[in-house]
C-alpha cells in the first residue's frame, strides 16, 4: 500500500476525538484494515505535512443491524489515533482527504 489516500480513509469525528484533538494533540481516522502503524504514520506525514509522534490502532467489530425481519452486519473497520509532535500545526480534516 503506497497511496496515502488508500491508507487513511476518513476522519472519525466524535465527542471523544474532538476532546483528544484539543487536549492531547491527537486526531482520529478510519484507516485501511490491512495497514500497520508505520504505514499509517508515513501516510499521515505525507498527506498533512506534519511530524507524527505516535500511532495507536484499534480494530472495531461491525455492529449487527436489523431492517424488519432481516438481520445484517456493518463491516469491521480499523481506527487510528495519531499523536502529533509538539509545535506541529493541528490537522484540519478537510485539507487533504
PDB file of N, CA and C in Angstrom:
ATOM      1  N   UNK A   1       0.846  -1.187   0.000  1.00  0.00           N
ATOM      2  CA  UNK A   1       0.000   0.000   0.000  1.00  0.00           C
ATOM      3  C   UNK A   1       0.885   1.241   0.000  1.00  0.00           C
ATOM      4  N   UNK A   2       0.936   1.916  -1.091  1.00  0.00           N
ATOM      5  CA  UNK A   2       1.774   3.099  -1.189  1.00  0.00           C
ATOM      6  C   UNK A   2       0.965   4.389  -1.135  1.00  0.00           C
ATOM      7  N   UNK A   3      -0.245   4.386  -1.694  1.00  0.00           N
ATOM      8  CA  UNK A   3      -1.036   5.610  -1.783  1.00  0.00           C
ATOM      9  C   UNK A   3      -1.595   5.992  -0.418  1.00  0.00           C
ATOM     10  N   UNK A   4      -1.229   7.171   0.108  1.00  0.00           N
ATOM     11  CA  UNK A   4      -1.721   7.570   1.439  1.00  0.00           C
ATOM     12  C   UNK A   4      -3.238   7.705   1.500  1.00  0.00           C
ATOM     13  N   UNK A   5      -3.868   8.013   0.359  1.00  0.00           N
ATOM     14  CA  UNK A   5      -5.327   8.142   0.343  1.00  0.00           C
ATOM     15  C   UNK A   5      -6.019   6.793   0.506  1.00  0.00           C
ATOM     16  N   UNK A   6      -5.314   5.705   0.220  1.00  0.00           N
ATOM     17  CA  UNK A   6      -5.894   4.372   0.419  1.00  0.00           C
ATOM     18  C   UNK A   6      -5.612   3.836   1.812  1.00  0.00           C
ATOM     19  N   UNK A   7      -4.713   4.486   2.536  1.00  0.00           N
ATOM     20  CA  UNK A   7      -4.409   4.067   3.916  1.00  0.00           C
ATOM     21  C   UNK A   7      -5.290   4.832   4.901  1.00  0.00           C
ATOM     22  N   UNK A   8      -5.303   6.163   4.811  1.00  0.00           N
ATOM     23  CA  UNK A   8      -6.152   6.979   5.679  1.00  0.00           C
ATOM     24  C   UNK A   8      -7.427   7.271   4.912  1.00  0.00           C
ATOM     25  N   UNK A   9      -8.547   6.709   5.386  1.00  0.00           N
ATOM     26  CA  UNK A   9      -9.789   6.781   4.627  1.00  0.00           C
ATOM     27  C   UNK A   9     -10.620   8.012   4.952  1.00  0.00           C
ATOM     28  N   UNK A  10     -10.902   8.244   6.249  1.00  0.00           N
ATOM     29  CA  UNK A  10     -11.706   9.406   6.615  1.00  0.00           C
ATOM     30  C   UNK A  10     -11.566   9.690   8.102  1.00  0.00           C
ATOM     31  N   UNK A  11     -11.835  10.944   8.496  1.00  0.00           N
ATOM     32  CA  UNK A  11     -11.736  11.266   9.924  1.00  0.00           C
ATOM     33  C   UNK A  11     -12.916  10.690  10.706  1.00  0.00           C
ATOM     34  N   UNK A  12     -12.661  10.369  11.957  1.00  0.00           N
ATOM     35  CA  UNK A  12     -13.717   9.938  12.876  1.00  0.00           C
ATOM     36  C   UNK A  12     -13.975  11.122  13.793  1.00  0.00           C
ATOM     37  N   UNK A  13     -15.162  11.717  13.667  1.00  0.00           N
ATOM     38  CA  UNK A  13     -15.476  12.912  14.444  1.00  0.00           C
ATOM     39  C   UNK A  13     -16.531  12.541  15.486  1.00  0.00           C
ATOM     40  N   UNK A  14     -16.078  12.418  16.737  1.00  0.00           N
ATOM     41  CA  UNK A  14     -16.955  12.107  17.866  1.00  0.00           C
ATOM     42  C   UNK A  14     -16.602  13.063  18.993  1.00  0.00           C
ATOM     43  N   UNK A  15     -17.356  12.993  20.080  1.00  0.00           N
ATOM     44  CA  UNK A  15     -17.043  13.833  21.234  1.00  0.00           C
ATOM     45  C   UNK A  15     -15.648  13.510  21.773  1.00  0.00           C
ATOM     46  N   UNK A  16     -15.330  12.218  21.848  1.00  0.00           N
ATOM     47  CA  UNK A  16     -14.027  11.804  22.369  1.00  0.00           C
ATOM     48  C   UNK A  16     -12.903  12.296  21.457  1.00  0.00           C
ATOM     49  N   UNK A  17     -13.075  12.153  20.144  1.00  0.00           N
ATOM     50  CA  UNK A  17     -11.992  12.549  19.231  1.00  0.00           C
ATOM     51  C   UNK A  17     -11.778  14.057  19.234  1.00  0.00           C
ATOM     52  N   UNK A  18     -12.839  14.850  19.363  1.00  0.00           N
ATOM     53  CA  UNK A  18     -12.646  16.302  19.412  1.00  0.00           C
ATOM     54  C   UNK A  18     -11.996  16.718  20.731  1.00  0.00           C
ATOM     55  N   UNK A  19     -12.316  16.015  21.825  1.00  0.00           N
ATOM     56  CA  UNK A  19     -11.687  16.302  23.108  1.00  0.00           C
ATOM     57  C   UNK A  19     -10.191  15.975  23.047  1.00  0.00           C
ATOM     58  N   UNK A  20      -9.843  14.819  22.464  1.00  0.00           N
ATOM     59  CA  UNK A  20      -8.441  14.428  22.349  1.00  0.00           C
ATOM     60  C   UNK A  20      -7.675  15.374  21.424  1.00  0.00           C
ATOM     61  N   UNK A  21      -8.357  15.900  20.416  1.00  0.00           N
ATOM     62  CA  UNK A  21      -7.716  16.835  19.491  1.00  0.00           C
ATOM     63  C   UNK A  21      -7.320  18.113  20.228  1.00  0.00           C
ATOM     64  N   UNK A  22      -8.185  18.593  21.101  1.00  0.00           N
ATOM     65  CA  UNK A  22      -7.913  19.833  21.832  1.00  0.00           C
ATOM     66  C   UNK A  22      -6.900  19.632  22.957  1.00  0.00           C
ATOM     67  N   UNK A  23      -7.004  18.527  23.692  1.00  0.00           N
ATOM     68  CA  UNK A  23      -6.189  18.330  24.888  1.00  0.00           C
ATOM     69  C   UNK A  23      -4.837  17.676  24.565  1.00  0.00           C
ATOM     70  N   UNK A  24      -4.854  16.568  23.828  1.00  0.00           N
ATOM     71  CA  UNK A  24      -3.652  15.742  23.639  1.00  0.00           C
ATOM     72  C   UNK A  24      -2.970  15.893  22.293  1.00  0.00           C
ATOM     73  N   UNK A  25      -3.497  16.731  21.413  1.00  0.00           N
ATOM     74  CA  UNK A  25      -2.945  16.872  20.064  1.00  0.00           C
ATOM     75  C   UNK A  25      -3.024  15.551  19.296  1.00  0.00           C
ATOM     76  N   UNK A  26      -4.134  14.819  19.472  1.00  0.00           N
ATOM     77  CA  UNK A  26      -4.356  13.561  18.772  1.00  0.00           C
ATOM     78  C   UNK A  26      -5.530  13.724  17.828  1.00  0.00           C
ATOM     79  N   UNK A  27      -5.400  13.136  16.646  1.00  0.00           N
ATOM     80  CA  UNK A  27      -6.509  13.117  15.694  1.00  0.00           C
ATOM     81  C   UNK A  27      -6.857  11.664  15.407  1.00  0.00           C
ATOM     82  N   UNK A  28      -8.119  11.428  15.068  1.00  0.00           N
ATOM     83  CA  UNK A  28      -8.617  10.072  14.901  1.00  0.00           C
ATOM     84  C   UNK A  28      -9.086   9.884  13.462  1.00  0.00           C
ATOM     85  N   UNK A  29      -8.667   8.771  12.844  1.00  0.00           N
ATOM     86  CA  UNK A  29      -9.049   8.477  11.473  1.00  0.00           C
ATOM     87  C   UNK A  29      -9.482   7.031  11.336  1.00  0.00           C
ATOM     88  N   UNK A  30     -10.397   6.773  10.384  1.00  0.00           N
ATOM     89  CA  UNK A  30     -10.657   5.409   9.954  1.00  0.00           C
ATOM     90  C   UNK A  30      -9.587   5.079   8.932  1.00  0.00           C
ATOM     91  N   UNK A  31      -8.930   3.933   9.112  1.00  0.00           N
ATOM     92  CA  UNK A  31      -7.832   3.560   8.228  1.00  0.00           C
ATOM     93  C   UNK A  31      -8.110   2.197   7.600  1.00  0.00           C
ATOM     94  N   UNK A  32      -7.320   1.873   6.590  1.00  0.00           N
ATOM     95  CA  UNK A  32      -7.444   0.583   5.919  1.00  0.00           C
ATOM     96  C   UNK A  32      -7.168  -0.534   6.924  1.00  0.00           C
ATOM     97  N   UNK A  33      -8.017  -1.559   6.983  1.00  0.00           N
ATOM     98  CA  UNK A  33      -7.828  -2.633   7.972  1.00  0.00           C
ATOM     99  C   UNK A  33      -6.520  -3.399   7.812  1.00  0.00           C
ATOM    100  N   UNK A  34      -5.892  -3.324   6.647  1.00  0.00           N
ATOM    101  CA  UNK A  34      -4.651  -4.062   6.429  1.00  0.00           C
ATOM    102  C   UNK A  34      -3.408  -3.211   6.679  1.00  0.00           C
ATOM    103  N   UNK A  35      -3.585  -1.934   7.029  1.00  0.00           N
ATOM    104  CA  UNK A  35      -2.448  -1.034   7.255  1.00  0.00           C
ATOM    105  C   UNK A  35      -1.886  -1.238   8.656  1.00  0.00           C
ATOM    106  N   UNK A  36      -0.557  -1.076   8.785  1.00  0.00           N
ATOM    107  CA  UNK A  36       0.068  -1.172  10.103  1.00  0.00           C
ATOM    108  C   UNK A  36       0.477   0.225  10.581  1.00  0.00           C
ATOM    109  N   UNK A  37       1.044   0.300  11.784  1.00  0.00           N
ATOM    110  CA  UNK A  37       1.351   1.595  12.396  1.00  0.00           C
ATOM    111  C   UNK A  37       2.335   2.415  11.575  1.00  0.00           C
ATOM    112  N   UNK A  38       3.378   1.776  11.061  1.00  0.00           N
ATOM    113  CA  UNK A  38       4.388   2.534  10.314  1.00  0.00           C
ATOM    114  C   UNK A  38       3.811   3.069   8.999  1.00  0.00           C
ATOM    115  N   UNK A  39       2.952   2.293   8.335  1.00  0.00           N
ATOM    116  CA  UNK A  39       2.310   2.778   7.102  1.00  0.00           C
ATOM    117  C   UNK A  39       1.380   3.955   7.396  1.00  0.00           C
ATOM    118  N   UNK A  40       0.652   3.873   8.499  1.00  0.00           N
ATOM    119  CA  UNK A  40      -0.255   4.949   8.878  1.00  0.00           C
ATOM    120  C   UNK A  40       0.536   6.218   9.207  1.00  0.00           C
ATOM    121  N   UNK A  41       1.656   6.061   9.909  1.00  0.00           N
ATOM    122  CA  UNK A  41       2.500   7.211  10.259  1.00  0.00           C
ATOM    123  C   UNK A  41       3.039   7.893   9.007  1.00  0.00           C
ATOM    124  N   UNK A  42       3.559   7.113   8.060  1.00  0.00           N
ATOM    125  CA  UNK A  42       4.097   7.677   6.813  1.00  0.00           C
ATOM    126  C   UNK A  42       3.008   8.367   6.010  1.00  0.00           C
ATOM    127  N   UNK A  43       1.818   7.750   5.951  1.00  0.00           N
ATOM    128  CA  UNK A  43       0.711   8.335   5.184  1.00  0.00           C
ATOM    129  C   UNK A  43       0.271   9.659   5.776  1.00  0.00           C
ATOM    130  N   UNK A  44       0.185   9.751   7.110  1.00  0.00           N
ATOM    131  CA  UNK A  44      -0.221  11.000   7.754  1.00  0.00           C
ATOM    132  C   UNK A  44       0.816  12.090   7.519  1.00  0.00           C
ATOM    133  N   UNK A  45       2.093  11.737   7.598  1.00  0.00           N
ATOM    134  CA  UNK A  45       3.141  12.728   7.372  1.00  0.00           C
ATOM    135  C   UNK A  45       3.140  13.227   5.933  1.00  0.00           C
ATOM    136  N   UNK A  46       2.859  12.337   4.969  1.00  0.00           N
ATOM    137  CA  UNK A  46       2.794  12.748   3.559  1.00  0.00           C
ATOM    138  C   UNK A  46       1.567  13.600   3.276  1.00  0.00           C
ATOM    139  N   UNK A  47       0.408  13.158   3.762  1.00  0.00           N
ATOM    140  CA  UNK A  47      -0.842  13.855   3.444  1.00  0.00           C
ATOM    141  C   UNK A  47      -0.916  15.231   4.080  1.00  0.00           C
ATOM    142  N   UNK A  48      -0.587  15.319   5.360  1.00  0.00           N
ATOM    143  CA  UNK A  48      -0.822  16.549   6.108  1.00  0.00           C
ATOM    144  C   UNK A  48       0.449  17.361   6.361  1.00  0.00           C
ATOM    145  N   UNK A  49       1.604  16.823   5.972  1.00  0.00           N
ATOM    146  CA  UNK A  49       2.897  17.513   6.129  1.00  0.00           C
ATOM    147  C   UNK A  49       3.144  17.940   7.578  1.00  0.00           C
ATOM    148  N   UNK A  50       3.014  16.968   8.480  1.00  0.00           N
ATOM    149  CA  UNK A  50       3.275  17.171   9.903  1.00  0.00           C
ATOM    150  C   UNK A  50       4.186  16.048  10.394  1.00  0.00           C
ATOM    151  N   UNK A  51       4.755  16.223  11.574  1.00  0.00           N
ATOM    152  CA  UNK A  51       5.572  15.184  12.204  1.00  0.00           C
ATOM    153  C   UNK A  51       4.697  14.432  13.212  1.00  0.00           C
ATOM    154  N   UNK A  52       4.709  13.098  13.114  1.00  0.00           N
ATOM    155  CA  UNK A  52       3.879  12.255  13.971  1.00  0.00           C
ATOM    156  C   UNK A  52       4.738  11.687  15.095  1.00  0.00           C
ATOM    157  N   UNK A  53       4.236  11.808  16.335  1.00  0.00           N
ATOM    158  CA  UNK A  53       4.952  11.267  17.488  1.00  0.00           C
ATOM    159  C   UNK A  53       4.642   9.791  17.680  1.00  0.00           C
ATOM    160  N   UNK A  54       3.342   9.432  17.658  1.00  0.00           N
ATOM    161  CA  UNK A  54       2.970   8.036  17.874  1.00  0.00           C
ATOM    162  C   UNK A  54       1.635   7.735  17.198  1.00  0.00           C
ATOM    163  N   UNK A  55       1.382   6.439  17.008  1.00  0.00           N
ATOM    164  CA  UNK A  55       0.133   5.972  16.408  1.00  0.00           C
ATOM    165  C   UNK A  55      -0.401   4.831  17.268  1.00  0.00           C
ATOM    166  N   UNK A  56      -1.672   4.935  17.638  1.00  0.00           N
ATOM    167  CA  UNK A  56      -2.351   3.829  18.332  1.00  0.00           C
ATOM    168  C   UNK A  56      -3.459   3.342  17.424  1.00  0.00           C
ATOM    169  N   UNK A  57      -3.578   2.027  17.259  1.00  0.00           N
ATOM    170  CA  UNK A  57      -4.611   1.495  16.372  1.00  0.00           C
ATOM    171  C   UNK A  57      -5.553   0.582  17.149  1.00  0.00           C
ATOM    172  N   UNK A  58      -6.757   0.463  16.617  1.00  0.00           N
ATOM    173  CA  UNK A  58      -7.797  -0.297  17.286  1.00  0.00           C
ATOM    174  C   UNK A  58      -8.692  -0.939  16.222  1.00  0.00           C
ATOM    175  N   UNK A  59      -8.900  -2.243  16.309  1.00  0.00           N
ATOM    176  CA  UNK A  59      -9.810  -2.923  15.400  1.00  0.00           C
ATOM    177  C   UNK A  59     -11.212  -2.867  15.978  1.00  0.00           C
ATOM    178  N   UNK A  60     -12.165  -2.419  15.162  1.00  0.00           N
ATOM    179  CA  UNK A  60     -13.543  -2.291  15.615  1.00  0.00           C
ATOM    180  C   UNK A  60     -14.396  -3.331  14.893  1.00  0.00           C
ATOM    181  N   UNK A  61     -15.221  -4.017  15.640  1.00  0.00           N
ATOM    182  CA  UNK A  61     -16.112  -5.019  15.059  1.00  0.00           C
ATOM    183  C   UNK A  61     -17.384  -4.326  14.590  1.00  0.00           C
ATOM    184  N   UNK A  62     -17.859  -4.666  13.396  1.00  0.00           N
ATOM    185  CA  UNK A  62     -19.073  -4.063  12.856  1.00  0.00           C
ATOM    186  C   UNK A  62     -20.306  -4.459  13.649  1.00  0.00           C
ATOM    187  N   UNK A  63     -21.236  -3.523  13.779  1.00  0.00           N
ATOM    188  CA  UNK A  63     -22.447  -3.778  14.560  1.00  0.00           C
ATOM    189  C   UNK A  63     -23.470  -4.570  13.739  1.00  0.00           C
ATOM    190  N   UNK A  64     -24.311  -5.314  14.444  1.00  0.00           N
ATOM    191  CA  UNK A  64     -25.411  -6.025  13.810  1.00  0.00           C
ATOM    192  C   UNK A  64     -26.591  -5.076  13.690  1.00  0.00           C
ATOM    193  N   UNK A  65     -27.226  -5.035  12.531  1.00  0.00           N
ATOM    194  CA  UNK A  65     -28.362  -4.149  12.281  1.00  0.00           C
ATOM    195  C   UNK A  65     -29.536  -4.959  11.753  1.00  0.00           C
ATOM    196  N   UNK A  66     -30.742  -4.510  12.099  1.00  0.00           N
ATOM    197  CA  UNK A  66     -31.958  -5.172  11.617  1.00  0.00           C
ATOM    198  C   UNK A  66     -32.794  -4.192  10.825  1.00  0.00           C
ATOM    199  N   UNK A  67     -33.392  -4.693   9.749  1.00  0.00           N
ATOM    200  CA  UNK A  67     -34.401  -3.950   8.997  1.00  0.00           C
ATOM    201  C   UNK A  67     -35.576  -4.906   8.869  1.00  0.00           C
ATOM    202  N   UNK A  68     -36.593  -4.691   9.693  1.00  0.00           N
ATOM    203  CA  UNK A  68     -37.710  -5.632   9.718  1.00  0.00           C
ATOM    204  C   UNK A  68     -37.240  -6.957  10.266  1.00  0.00           C
ATOM    205  N   UNK A  69     -37.458  -8.025   9.502  1.00  0.00           N
ATOM    206  CA  UNK A  69     -37.012  -9.341   9.958  1.00  0.00           C
ATOM    207  C   UNK A  69     -35.622  -9.704   9.442  1.00  0.00           C
ATOM    208  N   UNK A  70     -35.074  -8.875   8.577  1.00  0.00           N
ATOM    209  CA  UNK A  70     -33.752  -9.149   8.013  1.00  0.00           C
ATOM    210  C   UNK A  70     -32.658  -8.648   8.955  1.00  0.00           C
ATOM    211  N   UNK A  71     -31.662  -9.491   9.161  1.00  0.00           N
ATOM    212  CA  UNK A  71     -30.537  -9.133  10.013  1.00  0.00           C
ATOM    213  C   UNK A  71     -29.300  -8.999   9.139  1.00  0.00           C
ATOM    214  N   UNK A  72     -28.604  -7.878   9.298  1.00  0.00           N
ATOM    215  CA  UNK A  72     -27.373  -7.654   8.548  1.00  0.00           C
ATOM    216  C   UNK A  72     -26.264  -7.245   9.488  1.00  0.00           C
ATOM    217  N   UNK A  73     -25.100  -6.983   8.920  1.00  0.00           N
ATOM    218  CA  UNK A  73     -23.946  -6.622   9.736  1.00  0.00           C
ATOM    219  C   UNK A  73     -23.165  -5.551   9.010  1.00  0.00           C
ATOM    220  N   UNK A  74     -22.768  -4.518   9.767  1.00  0.00           N
ATOM    221  CA  UNK A  74     -21.892  -3.498   9.195  1.00  0.00           C
ATOM    222  C   UNK A  74     -20.480  -4.072   9.111  1.00  0.00           C
ATOM    223  N   UNK A  75     -19.658  -3.467   8.275  1.00  0.00           N
ATOM    224  CA  UNK A  75     -18.311  -4.005   8.071  1.00  0.00           C
ATOM    225  C   UNK A  75     -17.428  -3.758   9.290  1.00  0.00           C
ATOM    226  N   UNK A  76     -16.444  -4.640   9.493  1.00  0.00           N
ATOM    227  CA  UNK A  76     -15.422  -4.423  10.507  1.00  0.00           C
ATOM    228  C   UNK A  76     -14.483  -3.335   9.983  1.00  0.00           C
ATOM    229  N   UNK A  77     -13.922  -2.544  10.909  1.00  0.00           N
ATOM    230  CA  UNK A  77     -13.052  -1.449  10.484  1.00  0.00           C
ATOM    231  C   UNK A  77     -11.961  -1.202  11.490  1.00  0.00           C
ATOM    232  N   UNK A  78     -10.994  -0.386  11.108  1.00  0.00           N
ATOM    233  CA  UNK A  78      -9.848  -0.089  11.962  1.00  0.00           C
ATOM    234  C   UNK A  78      -9.773   1.418  12.184  1.00  0.00           C
ATOM    235  N   UNK A  79      -9.482   1.796  13.432  1.00  0.00           N
ATOM    236  CA  UNK A  79      -9.395   3.200  13.816  1.00  0.00           C
ATOM    237  C   UNK A  79      -7.977   3.477  14.291  1.00  0.00           C
ATOM    238  N   UNK A  80      -7.455   4.664  13.953  1.00  0.00           N
ATOM    239  CA  UNK A  80      -6.105   5.031  14.373  1.00  0.00           C
ATOM    240  C   UNK A  80      -6.128   6.387  15.055  1.00  0.00           C
ATOM    241  N   UNK A  81      -5.485   6.464  16.224  1.00  0.00           N
ATOM    242  CA  UNK A  81      -5.268   7.740  16.912  1.00  0.00           C
ATOM    243  C   UNK A  81      -3.842   8.167  16.606  1.00  0.00           C
ATOM    244  N   UNK A  82      -3.684   9.321  15.967  1.00  0.00           N
ATOM    245  CA  UNK A  82      -2.380   9.820  15.549  1.00  0.00           C
ATOM    246  C   UNK A  82      -2.018  11.014  16.430  1.00  0.00           C
ATOM    247  N   UNK A  83      -0.927  10.883  17.199  1.00  0.00           N
ATOM    248  CA  UNK A  83      -0.478  11.962  18.081  1.00  0.00           C
ATOM    249  C   UNK A  83       0.608  12.759  17.374  1.00  0.00           C
ATOM    250  N   UNK A  84       0.436  14.083  17.339  1.00  0.00           N
ATOM    251  CA  UNK A  84       1.386  14.956  16.657  1.00  0.00           C
ATOM    252  C   UNK A  84       2.475  15.413  17.630  1.00  0.00           C
ATOM    253  N   UNK A  85       3.655  15.693  17.089  1.00  0.00           N
ATOM    254  CA  UNK A  85       4.752  16.195  17.912  1.00  0.00           C
ATOM    255  C   UNK A  85       4.459  17.622  18.349  1.00  0.00           C
ATOM    256  N   UNK A  86       5.104  18.032  19.425  1.00  0.00           N
ATOM    257  CA  UNK A  86       4.943  19.399  19.938  1.00  0.00           C
ATOM    258  C   UNK A  86       5.385  20.404  18.888  1.00  0.00           C
ATOM    259  N   UNK A  87       4.632  21.490  18.769  1.00  0.00           N
ATOM    260  CA  UNK A  87       4.983  22.547  17.839  1.00  0.00           C
ATOM    261  C   UNK A  87       4.436  22.355  16.437  1.00  0.00           C
ATOM    262  N   UNK A  88       3.836  21.206  16.158  1.00  0.00           N
ATOM    263  CA  UNK A  88       3.252  20.963  14.833  1.00  0.00           C
ATOM    264  C   UNK A  88       1.888  21.619  14.748  1.00  0.00           C
ATOM    265  N   UNK A  89       1.530  22.076  13.548  1.00  0.00           N
ATOM    266  CA  UNK A  89       0.199  22.656  13.374  1.00  0.00           C
ATOM    267  C   UNK A  89      -0.838  21.537  13.424  1.00  0.00           C
ATOM    268  N   UNK A  90      -2.013  21.850  13.952  1.00  0.00           N
ATOM    269  CA  UNK A  90      -3.065  20.851  14.082  1.00  0.00           C
ATOM    270  C   UNK A  90      -3.640  20.538  12.710  1.00  0.00           C
ATOM    271  N   UNK A  91      -3.979  19.278  12.486  1.00  0.00           N
ATOM    272  CA  UNK A  91      -4.547  18.840  11.212  1.00  0.00           C
ATOM    273  C   UNK A  91      -5.979  19.339  11.113  1.00  0.00           C
ATOM    274  N   UNK A  92      -6.278  20.037  10.034  1.00  0.00           N
ATOM    275  CA  UNK A  92      -7.667  20.366   9.726  1.00  0.00           C
ATOM    276  C   UNK A  92      -8.180  19.265   8.817  1.00  0.00           C
ATOM    277  N   UNK A  93      -9.340  18.695   9.141  1.00  0.00           N
ATOM    278  CA  UNK A  93      -9.793  17.476   8.499  1.00  0.00           C
ATOM    279  C   UNK A  93      -9.966  17.587   6.992  1.00  0.00           C
ATOM    280  N   UNK A  94     -10.291  18.755   6.475  1.00  0.00           N
ATOM    281  CA  UNK A  94     -10.632  18.835   5.059  1.00  0.00           C
ATOM    282  C   UNK A  94      -9.484  19.369   4.225  1.00  0.00           C
ATOM    283  N   UNK A  95      -8.242  19.285   4.733  1.00  0.00           N
ATOM    284  CA  UNK A  95      -7.078  19.737   3.981  1.00  0.00           C
ATOM    285  C   UNK A  95      -6.786  18.837   2.796  1.00  0.00           C
ATOM    286  N   UNK A  96      -6.561  17.545   3.062  1.00  0.00           N
ATOM    287  CA  UNK A  96      -6.017  16.672   2.014  1.00  0.00           C
ATOM    288  C   UNK A  96      -6.845  15.437   1.748  1.00  0.00           C
ATOM    289  N   UNK A  97      -7.783  15.085   2.606  1.00  0.00           N
ATOM    290  CA  UNK A  97      -8.517  13.831   2.434  1.00  0.00           C
ATOM    291  C   UNK A  97      -9.611  13.996   1.411  1.00  0.00           C
TER     292      UNK A  97
END
